């Protein structure tokens, strides 16, 4: 239907792609666009939810990363995404853990990666795939995780440098649009006190979300909600799913959004809906 449309998603850990952009990825894949996912770490420092799998964690056998590779493979299959890469190869950079953790200081972690070196790895993918659109997080990494912040920095550097023949190898390419994932505060307000998991008392307790005025783009992928739910279920070490709600290891419930939101950080605006927002990342 649209093989000339190519979009690149850059995420920090396995499961981030399904949580933040799963419905959008499934929508574009189903429409025939080339959807490429780049994951920056194996997620070795994640908290393991199922008791029978906790031996895989970093504090025991430290085999969680390799297990999560399989989870990610199954999630991509659920979303219809058949082009997935790990930045620099699987295990090139390690999960940094939450901000302030001792693991942030590990020289092998993504937070400590050399920006130009990591960006050059991503540029090589950009020049191969030749996407018109790159999607990642904002400069706060959506909620302040060091690997998410670094993913933004690396993706933005690659966006700037992919057209520079003096940076890296391969034929230069210039992506035209760059987006950050975002959830409007009004959507979070509707989620307070709902669902089968633990409830927050206020929007602020979620720890993420942006004012509605910062949202530039709304992608309605309602027809692909079940694909997103299946992808979330694939990440069973990290995510619990109940109906149309999910929770991470803190057991705080969130709705599985089939309408996903973004902030355009580069590129000309596309056609706008009646609310003044784009409905298509390709514009």
C-alpha atoms as a PDB file:
ATOM      1  CA  UNK A   1       0.000   0.000   0.000  1.00  0.00           C
ATOM      2  CA  UNK A   2       2.812   2.434   0.823  1.00  0.00           C
ATOM      3  CA  UNK A   3       6.229   0.747   0.558  1.00  0.00           C
ATOM      4  CA  UNK A   4       7.880   4.114  -0.005  1.00  0.00           C
ATOM      5  CA  UNK A   5       7.031   5.182   3.557  1.00  0.00           C
ATOM      6  CA  UNK A   6       9.788   4.340   6.034  1.00  0.00           C
ATOM      7  CA  UNK A   7       9.821   5.096   9.743  1.00  0.00           C
ATOM      8  CA  UNK A   8      12.469   4.424  12.399  1.00  0.00           C
ATOM      9  CA  UNK A   9      11.648   4.005  16.111  1.00  0.00           C
ATOM     10  CA  UNK A  10      14.503   4.314  18.637  1.00  0.00           C
ATOM     11  CA  UNK A  11      13.750   2.828  22.066  1.00  0.00           C
ATOM     12  CA  UNK A  12      15.887   2.256  25.138  1.00  0.00           C
ATOM     13  CA  UNK A  13      14.832  -1.230  26.312  1.00  0.00           C
ATOM     14  CA  UNK A  14      12.705  -4.157  25.181  1.00  0.00           C
ATOM     15  CA  UNK A  15       9.064  -3.327  26.105  1.00  0.00           C
ATOM     16  CA  UNK A  16       9.392   0.452  25.580  1.00  0.00           C
ATOM     17  CA  UNK A  17       8.362   0.041  21.953  1.00  0.00           C
ATOM     18  CA  UNK A  18       5.118  -1.703  22.912  1.00  0.00           C
ATOM     19  CA  UNK A  19       4.210   0.607  25.785  1.00  0.00           C
ATOM     20  CA  UNK A  20       4.733   3.919  24.042  1.00  0.00           C
ATOM     21  CA  UNK A  21       4.367   3.286  20.329  1.00  0.00           C
ATOM     22  CA  UNK A  22       3.006  -0.237  19.860  1.00  0.00           C
ATOM     23  CA  UNK A  23      -0.311   0.738  18.299  1.00  0.00           C
ATOM     24  CA  UNK A  24       1.327   3.228  15.946  1.00  0.00           C
ATOM     25  CA  UNK A  25       3.944   0.693  14.854  1.00  0.00           C
ATOM     26  CA  UNK A  26       1.253  -1.913  14.196  1.00  0.00           C
ATOM     27  CA  UNK A  27      -0.828   0.588  12.224  1.00  0.00           C
ATOM     28  CA  UNK A  28       1.986   1.614   9.909  1.00  0.00           C
ATOM     29  CA  UNK A  29       3.201  -1.957   9.468  1.00  0.00           C
ATOM     30  CA  UNK A  30      -0.318  -3.043   8.521  1.00  0.00           C
ATOM     31  CA  UNK A  31      -0.527  -0.179   6.022  1.00  0.00           C
ATOM     32  CA  UNK A  32       2.606  -1.415   4.281  1.00  0.00           C
ATOM     33  CA  UNK A  33       5.139   1.097   5.571  1.00  0.00           C
ATOM     34  CA  UNK A  34       8.654  -0.085   6.395  1.00  0.00           C
ATOM     35  CA  UNK A  35       8.781   0.021  10.198  1.00  0.00           C
ATOM     36  CA  UNK A  36      12.260  -0.330  11.695  1.00  0.00           C
ATOM     37  CA  UNK A  37      12.828  -0.652  15.441  1.00  0.00           C
ATOM     38  CA  UNK A  38      16.198   0.048  17.044  1.00  0.00           C
ATOM     39  CA  UNK A  39      16.606  -0.957  20.704  1.00  0.00           C
ATOM     40  CA  UNK A  40      19.589   0.467  22.581  1.00  0.00           C
ATOM     41  CA  UNK A  41      20.032  -2.085  25.401  1.00  0.00           C
ATOM     42  CA  UNK A  42      18.843  -5.548  26.417  1.00  0.00           C
ATOM     43  CA  UNK A  43      17.146  -4.241  29.563  1.00  0.00           C
ATOM     44  CA  UNK A  44      19.369  -6.251  31.901  1.00  0.00           C
ATOM     45  CA  UNK A  45      18.498  -4.161  34.989  1.00  0.00           C
ATOM     46  CA  UNK A  46      14.729  -4.550  34.769  1.00  0.00           C
ATOM     47  CA  UNK A  47      12.681  -5.775  37.727  1.00  0.00           C
ATOM     48  CA  UNK A  48      11.245  -9.232  37.065  1.00  0.00           C
ATOM     49  CA  UNK A  49       7.554  -9.646  37.878  1.00  0.00           C
ATOM     50  CA  UNK A  50       6.913 -13.445  37.668  1.00  0.00           C
ATOM     51  CA  UNK A  51       8.371 -15.168  40.723  1.00  0.00           C
ATOM     52  CA  UNK A  52       9.436 -18.189  38.668  1.00  0.00           C
ATOM     53  CA  UNK A  53      11.676 -15.969  36.500  1.00  0.00           C
ATOM     54  CA  UNK A  54      13.313 -13.794  39.140  1.00  0.00           C
ATOM     55  CA  UNK A  55      16.440 -15.931  39.090  1.00  0.00           C
ATOM     56  CA  UNK A  56      17.210 -14.283  35.738  1.00  0.00           C
ATOM     57  CA  UNK A  57      17.710 -10.856  37.324  1.00  0.00           C
ATOM     58  CA  UNK A  58      20.932  -8.867  37.556  1.00  0.00           C
ATOM     59  CA  UNK A  59      21.231  -9.650  41.272  1.00  0.00           C
ATOM     60  CA  UNK A  60      21.173 -13.422  40.624  1.00  0.00           C
ATOM     61  CA  UNK A  61      22.061 -15.141  37.333  1.00  0.00           C
ATOM     62  CA  UNK A  62      22.149 -11.921  35.263  1.00  0.00           C
ATOM     63  CA  UNK A  63      20.512 -13.618  32.283  1.00  0.00           C
ATOM     64  CA  UNK A  64      17.530 -11.292  32.004  1.00  0.00           C
ATOM     65  CA  UNK A  65      18.886  -9.506  28.943  1.00  0.00           C
ATOM     66  CA  UNK A  66      19.127 -12.628  26.832  1.00  0.00           C
ATOM     67  CA  UNK A  67      15.629 -13.673  27.965  1.00  0.00           C
ATOM     68  CA  UNK A  68      14.217 -10.283  27.007  1.00  0.00           C
ATOM     69  CA  UNK A  69      15.571 -10.684  23.479  1.00  0.00           C
ATOM     70  CA  UNK A  70      13.037 -13.473  23.023  1.00  0.00           C
ATOM     71  CA  UNK A  71      10.270 -11.364  24.540  1.00  0.00           C
ATOM     72  CA  UNK A  72      11.069  -8.563  22.121  1.00  0.00           C
ATOM     73  CA  UNK A  73      11.049 -10.942  19.168  1.00  0.00           C
ATOM     74  CA  UNK A  74       7.559 -12.103  20.119  1.00  0.00           C
ATOM     75  CA  UNK A  75       6.365  -8.523  20.648  1.00  0.00           C
ATOM     76  CA  UNK A  76       7.621  -7.458  17.218  1.00  0.00           C
ATOM     77  CA  UNK A  77       5.814 -10.418  15.663  1.00  0.00           C
ATOM     78  CA  UNK A  78       2.578  -9.328  17.367  1.00  0.00           C
ATOM     79  CA  UNK A  79       3.013  -5.813  15.980  1.00  0.00           C
ATOM     80  CA  UNK A  80       3.858  -7.016  12.482  1.00  0.00           C
ATOM     81  CA  UNK A  81       7.337  -5.490  12.658  1.00  0.00           C
ATOM     82  CA  UNK A  82       9.975  -7.597  10.936  1.00  0.00           C
ATOM     83  CA  UNK A  83      12.918  -5.160  10.953  1.00  0.00           C
ATOM     84  CA  UNK A  84      14.478  -4.963  14.396  1.00  0.00           C
ATOM     85  CA  UNK A  85      18.083  -4.122  15.332  1.00  0.00           C
ATOM     86  CA  UNK A  86      20.000  -3.645  18.570  1.00  0.00           C
ATOM     87  CA  UNK A  87      22.125  -0.521  18.435  1.00  0.00           C
ATOM     88  CA  UNK A  88      25.703  -1.632  17.825  1.00  0.00           C
ATOM     89  CA  UNK A  89      24.592  -5.271  18.051  1.00  0.00           C
ATOM     90  CA  UNK A  90      22.902  -7.138  20.903  1.00  0.00           C
ATOM     91  CA  UNK A  91      24.555  -6.310  24.221  1.00  0.00           C
ATOM     92  CA  UNK A  92      26.812  -3.537  22.880  1.00  0.00           C
ATOM     93  CA  UNK A  93      25.619  -1.242  25.671  1.00  0.00           C
ATOM     94  CA  UNK A  94      24.166  -2.376  28.973  1.00  0.00           C
ATOM     95  CA  UNK A  95      21.003  -1.156  30.651  1.00  0.00           C
ATOM     96  CA  UNK A  96      21.963   1.718  32.973  1.00  0.00           C
ATOM     97  CA  UNK A  97      19.247   1.189  35.573  1.00  0.00           C
ATOM     98  CA  UNK A  98      17.127   3.981  37.024  1.00  0.00           C
ATOM     99  CA  UNK A  99      18.573   7.470  37.471  1.00  0.00           C
ATOM    100  CA  UNK A 100      20.864   7.639  40.509  1.00  0.00           C
ATOM    101  CA  UNK A 101      21.531   3.889  40.679  1.00  0.00           C
ATOM    102  CA  UNK A 102      25.111   2.691  41.026  1.00  0.00           C
ATOM    103  CA  UNK A 103      24.736   0.989  37.648  1.00  0.00           C
ATOM    104  CA  UNK A 104      24.714   4.449  36.028  1.00  0.00           C
ATOM    105  CA  UNK A 105      28.488   4.494  36.574  1.00  0.00           C
ATOM    106  CA  UNK A 106      29.194   1.246  34.742  1.00  0.00           C
ATOM    107  CA  UNK A 107      31.455   2.199  31.802  1.00  0.00           C
ATOM    108  CA  UNK A 108      29.660  -0.435  29.711  1.00  0.00           C
ATOM    109  CA  UNK A 109      26.202   1.075  30.220  1.00  0.00           C
ATOM    110  CA  UNK A 110      24.355   3.129  27.639  1.00  0.00           C
ATOM    111  CA  UNK A 111      24.299   6.230  29.839  1.00  0.00           C
ATOM    112  CA  UNK A 112      28.104   6.263  29.668  1.00  0.00           C
ATOM    113  CA  UNK A 113      28.270   5.647  25.909  1.00  0.00           C
ATOM    114  CA  UNK A 114      30.212   8.040  23.710  1.00  0.00           C
ATOM    115  CA  UNK A 115      27.572  10.142  21.945  1.00  0.00           C
ATOM    116  CA  UNK A 116      29.242  10.293  18.546  1.00  0.00           C
ATOM    117  CA  UNK A 117      30.137   6.604  18.620  1.00  0.00           C
ATOM    118  CA  UNK A 118      26.548   5.592  19.406  1.00  0.00           C
ATOM    119  CA  UNK A 119      25.168   8.102  16.918  1.00  0.00           C
ATOM    120  CA  UNK A 120      27.454   6.722  14.197  1.00  0.00           C
ATOM    121  CA  UNK A 121      25.981   3.270  14.798  1.00  0.00           C
ATOM    122  CA  UNK A 122      22.500   4.713  14.391  1.00  0.00           C
ATOM    123  CA  UNK A 123      23.494   6.757  11.337  1.00  0.00           C
ATOM    124  CA  UNK A 124      24.554   3.547   9.588  1.00  0.00           C
ATOM    125  CA  UNK A 125      21.044   2.181  10.145  1.00  0.00           C
ATOM    126  CA  UNK A 126      19.419   5.439   9.051  1.00  0.00           C
ATOM    127  CA  UNK A 127      21.433   5.417   5.829  1.00  0.00           C
ATOM    128  CA  UNK A 128      20.455   1.822   5.146  1.00  0.00           C
ATOM    129  CA  UNK A 129      16.751   2.143   5.966  1.00  0.00           C
ATOM    130  CA  UNK A 130      16.418   5.747   4.721  1.00  0.00           C
ATOM    131  CA  UNK A 131      13.456   6.698   6.900  1.00  0.00           C
ATOM    132  CA  UNK A 132      11.535   9.896   6.390  1.00  0.00           C
ATOM    133  CA  UNK A 133      10.592   9.869  10.091  1.00  0.00           C
ATOM    134  CA  UNK A 134      12.477   9.157  13.335  1.00  0.00           C
ATOM    135  CA  UNK A 135      10.586   8.610  16.598  1.00  0.00           C
ATOM    136  CA  UNK A 136      12.092   8.464  20.094  1.00  0.00           C
ATOM    137  CA  UNK A 137      11.708  10.358  23.414  1.00  0.00           C
ATOM    138  CA  UNK A 138      12.011  14.008  24.383  1.00  0.00           C
ATOM    139  CA  UNK A 139      15.146  15.391  26.050  1.00  0.00           C
ATOM    140  CA  UNK A 140      13.894  14.203  29.443  1.00  0.00           C
ATOM    141  CA  UNK A 141      13.543  10.671  28.138  1.00  0.00           C
ATOM    142  CA  UNK A 142       9.755  10.781  28.670  1.00  0.00           C
ATOM    143  CA  UNK A 143      10.137  10.201  32.417  1.00  0.00           C
ATOM    144  CA  UNK A 144      13.781  10.785  33.282  1.00  0.00           C
ATOM    145  CA  UNK A 145      15.352   7.358  32.784  1.00  0.00           C
ATOM    146  CA  UNK A 146      19.033   7.789  31.803  1.00  0.00           C
ATOM    147  CA  UNK A 147      18.791   5.338  28.904  1.00  0.00           C
ATOM    148  CA  UNK A 148      15.755   7.158  27.532  1.00  0.00           C
ATOM    149  CA  UNK A 149      17.562  10.485  27.785  1.00  0.00           C
ATOM    150  CA  UNK A 150      20.580   9.008  26.022  1.00  0.00           C
ATOM    151  CA  UNK A 151      18.344   7.485  23.337  1.00  0.00           C
ATOM    152  CA  UNK A 152      17.008  10.975  22.630  1.00  0.00           C
ATOM    153  CA  UNK A 153      20.517  12.432  22.463  1.00  0.00           C
ATOM    154  CA  UNK A 154      21.774   9.678  20.161  1.00  0.00           C
ATOM    155  CA  UNK A 155      18.714   9.810  17.894  1.00  0.00           C
ATOM    156  CA  UNK A 156      18.857  13.588  17.634  1.00  0.00           C
ATOM    157  CA  UNK A 157      22.585  13.483  16.858  1.00  0.00           C
ATOM    158  CA  UNK A 158      21.946  10.886  14.152  1.00  0.00           C
ATOM    159  CA  UNK A 159      19.088  12.992  12.765  1.00  0.00           C
ATOM    160  CA  UNK A 160      21.477  15.936  12.474  1.00  0.00           C
ATOM    161  CA  UNK A 161      24.419  13.963  11.092  1.00  0.00           C
ATOM    162  CA  UNK A 162      22.842  11.417   8.728  1.00  0.00           C
ATOM    163  CA  UNK A 163      23.087  13.896   5.844  1.00  0.00           C
ATOM    164  CA  UNK A 164      26.696  14.873   6.674  1.00  0.00           C
ATOM    165  CA  UNK A 165      29.096  12.989   4.356  1.00  0.00           C
ATOM    166  CA  UNK A 166      31.909  13.620   6.824  1.00  0.00           C
ATOM    167  CA  UNK A 167      30.165  11.675   9.608  1.00  0.00           C
ATOM    168  CA  UNK A 168      30.355   7.885   9.433  1.00  0.00           C
ATOM    169  CA  UNK A 169      30.121   5.703   6.369  1.00  0.00           C
ATOM    170  CA  UNK A 170      27.455   5.099   3.770  1.00  0.00           C
ATOM    171  CA  UNK A 171      25.478   7.323   1.448  1.00  0.00           C
ATOM    172  CA  UNK A 172      24.139  10.403   3.276  1.00  0.00           C
ATOM    173  CA  UNK A 173      20.428  10.557   3.952  1.00  0.00           C
ATOM    174  CA  UNK A 174      18.284  13.323   5.395  1.00  0.00           C
ATOM    175  CA  UNK A 175      15.242  12.310   7.466  1.00  0.00           C
ATOM    176  CA  UNK A 176      12.655  15.074   7.311  1.00  0.00           C
ATOM    177  CA  UNK A 177      10.723  14.628  10.554  1.00  0.00           C
ATOM    178  CA  UNK A 178      11.602  13.886  14.185  1.00  0.00           C
ATOM    179  CA  UNK A 179       9.064  13.080  16.893  1.00  0.00           C
ATOM    180  CA  UNK A 180       9.067  12.451  20.633  1.00  0.00           C
ATOM    181  CA  UNK A 181       6.536  10.230  22.377  1.00  0.00           C
ATOM    182  CA  UNK A 182       4.202  12.088  24.716  1.00  0.00           C
ATOM    183  CA  UNK A 183       1.095  11.504  26.799  1.00  0.00           C
ATOM    184  CA  UNK A 184      -1.202  14.496  27.372  1.00  0.00           C
ATOM    185  CA  UNK A 185      -2.130  15.273  30.955  1.00  0.00           C
ATOM    186  CA  UNK A 186      -5.816  15.224  30.037  1.00  0.00           C
ATOM    187  CA  UNK A 187      -5.505  11.552  29.043  1.00  0.00           C
ATOM    188  CA  UNK A 188      -3.792  10.727  32.338  1.00  0.00           C
ATOM    189  CA  UNK A 189      -6.501  12.577  34.266  1.00  0.00           C
ATOM    190  CA  UNK A 190      -9.062  10.222  32.765  1.00  0.00           C
ATOM    191  CA  UNK A 191      -6.986   7.232  33.906  1.00  0.00           C
ATOM    192  CA  UNK A 192      -6.763   8.215  37.589  1.00  0.00           C
ATOM    193  CA  UNK A 193      -8.701   5.752  39.745  1.00  0.00           C
ATOM    194  CA  UNK A 194      -9.506   3.357  36.909  1.00  0.00           C
ATOM    195  CA  UNK A 195      -8.575  -0.218  36.082  1.00  0.00           C
ATOM    196  CA  UNK A 196      -7.864  -3.426  38.034  1.00  0.00           C
ATOM    197  CA  UNK A 197      -4.350  -2.538  39.242  1.00  0.00           C
ATOM    198  CA  UNK A 198      -3.213  -0.143  41.983  1.00  0.00           C
ATOM    199  CA  UNK A 199      -4.492   3.411  41.521  1.00  0.00           C
ATOM    200  CA  UNK A 200      -2.633   6.705  41.742  1.00  0.00           C
ATOM    201  CA  UNK A 201      -4.265   9.573  43.614  1.00  0.00           C
ATOM    202  CA  UNK A 202      -3.341  12.280  41.134  1.00  0.00           C
ATOM    203  CA  UNK A 203      -1.880  12.788  37.670  1.00  0.00           C
ATOM    204  CA  UNK A 204       1.431  13.840  39.198  1.00  0.00           C
ATOM    205  CA  UNK A 205       1.823  10.390  40.741  1.00  0.00           C
ATOM    206  CA  UNK A 206       2.251   8.845  37.292  1.00  0.00           C
ATOM    207  CA  UNK A 207       5.612  10.609  36.955  1.00  0.00           C
ATOM    208  CA  UNK A 208       5.191  11.479  33.282  1.00  0.00           C
ATOM    209  CA  UNK A 209       2.885  13.378  30.952  1.00  0.00           C
ATOM    210  CA  UNK A 210       2.968  16.754  29.221  1.00  0.00           C
ATOM    211  CA  UNK A 211       0.530  19.661  28.921  1.00  0.00           C
ATOM    212  CA  UNK A 212      -1.948  19.139  26.118  1.00  0.00           C
ATOM    213  CA  UNK A 213      -0.577  22.233  24.379  1.00  0.00           C
ATOM    214  CA  UNK A 214       2.714  20.395  23.732  1.00  0.00           C
ATOM    215  CA  UNK A 215       1.020  17.638  21.750  1.00  0.00           C
ATOM    216  CA  UNK A 216       1.360  18.187  18.020  1.00  0.00           C
ATOM    217  CA  UNK A 217       0.271  14.806  16.701  1.00  0.00           C
ATOM    218  CA  UNK A 218      -2.441  12.282  17.505  1.00  0.00           C
ATOM    219  CA  UNK A 219      -2.307   8.869  15.805  1.00  0.00           C
ATOM    220  CA  UNK A 220      -5.537   6.897  16.030  1.00  0.00           C
ATOM    221  CA  UNK A 221      -4.610   3.220  15.849  1.00  0.00           C
ATOM    222  CA  UNK A 222      -7.752   1.885  17.513  1.00  0.00           C
ATOM    223  CA  UNK A 223      -7.987  -0.989  15.034  1.00  0.00           C
ATOM    224  CA  UNK A 224      -4.593  -2.203  16.280  1.00  0.00           C
ATOM    225  CA  UNK A 225      -5.194  -2.163  20.033  1.00  0.00           C
ATOM    226  CA  UNK A 226      -5.326  -5.959  20.234  1.00  0.00           C
ATOM    227  CA  UNK A 227      -1.925  -6.170  18.529  1.00  0.00           C
ATOM    228  CA  UNK A 228      -0.545  -3.776  21.136  1.00  0.00           C
ATOM    229  CA  UNK A 229      -2.046  -5.833  23.961  1.00  0.00           C
ATOM    230  CA  UNK A 230      -0.480  -8.984  22.522  1.00  0.00           C
ATOM    231  CA  UNK A 231       2.889  -7.225  22.325  1.00  0.00           C
ATOM    232  CA  UNK A 232       2.604  -6.093  25.943  1.00  0.00           C
ATOM    233  CA  UNK A 233       1.785  -9.658  27.015  1.00  0.00           C
ATOM    234  CA  UNK A 234       4.954 -10.846  25.243  1.00  0.00           C
ATOM    235  CA  UNK A 235       7.021  -8.824  27.738  1.00  0.00           C
ATOM    236  CA  UNK A 236       5.865 -10.905  30.695  1.00  0.00           C
ATOM    237  CA  UNK A 237       8.996 -10.352  32.816  1.00  0.00           C
ATOM    238  CA  UNK A 238       8.210  -6.622  32.847  1.00  0.00           C
ATOM    239  CA  UNK A 239       4.486  -6.180  32.294  1.00  0.00           C
ATOM    240  CA  UNK A 240       1.232  -7.492  33.739  1.00  0.00           C
ATOM    241  CA  UNK A 241      -1.838  -7.172  31.500  1.00  0.00           C
ATOM    242  CA  UNK A 242      -5.471  -7.319  32.574  1.00  0.00           C
ATOM    243  CA  UNK A 243      -8.030  -6.502  29.910  1.00  0.00           C
ATOM    244  CA  UNK A 244      -7.195  -3.086  28.507  1.00  0.00           C
ATOM    245  CA  UNK A 245      -4.942  -2.114  31.397  1.00  0.00           C
ATOM    246  CA  UNK A 246      -1.331  -2.960  32.202  1.00  0.00           C
ATOM    247  CA  UNK A 247       1.129  -2.410  35.019  1.00  0.00           C
ATOM    248  CA  UNK A 248       4.880  -2.530  35.472  1.00  0.00           C
ATOM    249  CA  UNK A 249       6.619  -3.933  38.553  1.00  0.00           C
ATOM    250  CA  UNK A 250       5.160  -1.142  40.744  1.00  0.00           C
ATOM    251  CA  UNK A 251       1.685  -2.568  39.958  1.00  0.00           C
ATOM    252  CA  UNK A 252       0.333   0.913  39.156  1.00  0.00           C
ATOM    253  CA  UNK A 253      -2.250   0.553  36.424  1.00  0.00           C
ATOM    254  CA  UNK A 254      -2.235   2.373  33.112  1.00  0.00           C
ATOM    255  CA  UNK A 255      -4.670   2.072  30.216  1.00  0.00           C
ATOM    256  CA  UNK A 256      -3.486   0.459  26.990  1.00  0.00           C
ATOM    257  CA  UNK A 257      -3.773   3.475  24.714  1.00  0.00           C
ATOM    258  CA  UNK A 258      -4.801   2.763  21.144  1.00  0.00           C
ATOM    259  CA  UNK A 259      -4.579   6.465  20.335  1.00  0.00           C
ATOM    260  CA  UNK A 260      -0.947   7.494  20.775  1.00  0.00           C
ATOM    261  CA  UNK A 261       0.442  11.001  21.007  1.00  0.00           C
ATOM    262  CA  UNK A 262       3.628  12.710  19.900  1.00  0.00           C
ATOM    263  CA  UNK A 263       5.415  16.035  19.862  1.00  0.00           C
ATOM    264  CA  UNK A 264       7.038  17.064  16.574  1.00  0.00           C
ATOM    265  CA  UNK A 265      10.546  18.341  17.262  1.00  0.00           C
ATOM    266  CA  UNK A 266      11.641  18.830  13.647  1.00  0.00           C
ATOM    267  CA  UNK A 267       9.922  19.009  10.288  1.00  0.00           C
ATOM    268  CA  UNK A 268       7.093  20.995   8.773  1.00  0.00           C
ATOM    269  CA  UNK A 269       3.607  20.350  10.120  1.00  0.00           C
ATOM    270  CA  UNK A 270       1.328  18.110   8.117  1.00  0.00           C
ATOM    271  CA  UNK A 271      -2.434  18.538   7.632  1.00  0.00           C
ATOM    272  CA  UNK A 272      -4.218  19.277  10.903  1.00  0.00           C
ATOM    273  CA  UNK A 273      -7.491  17.970  12.296  1.00  0.00           C
ATOM    274  CA  UNK A 274     -10.231  20.067  13.852  1.00  0.00           C
ATOM    275  CA  UNK A 275      -8.222  20.266  17.081  1.00  0.00           C
ATOM    276  CA  UNK A 276      -5.128  21.596  15.355  1.00  0.00           C
ATOM    277  CA  UNK A 277      -3.144  18.351  15.515  1.00  0.00           C
ATOM    278  CA  UNK A 278      -1.554  16.150  12.882  1.00  0.00           C
ATOM    279  CA  UNK A 279      -2.990  12.668  12.480  1.00  0.00           C
ATOM    280  CA  UNK A 280      -0.054  11.130  10.578  1.00  0.00           C
ATOM    281  CA  UNK A 281       3.644  11.032  11.515  1.00  0.00           C
ATOM    282  CA  UNK A 282       4.499  11.170   7.812  1.00  0.00           C
ATOM    283  CA  UNK A 283       2.633  14.442   7.489  1.00  0.00           C
END
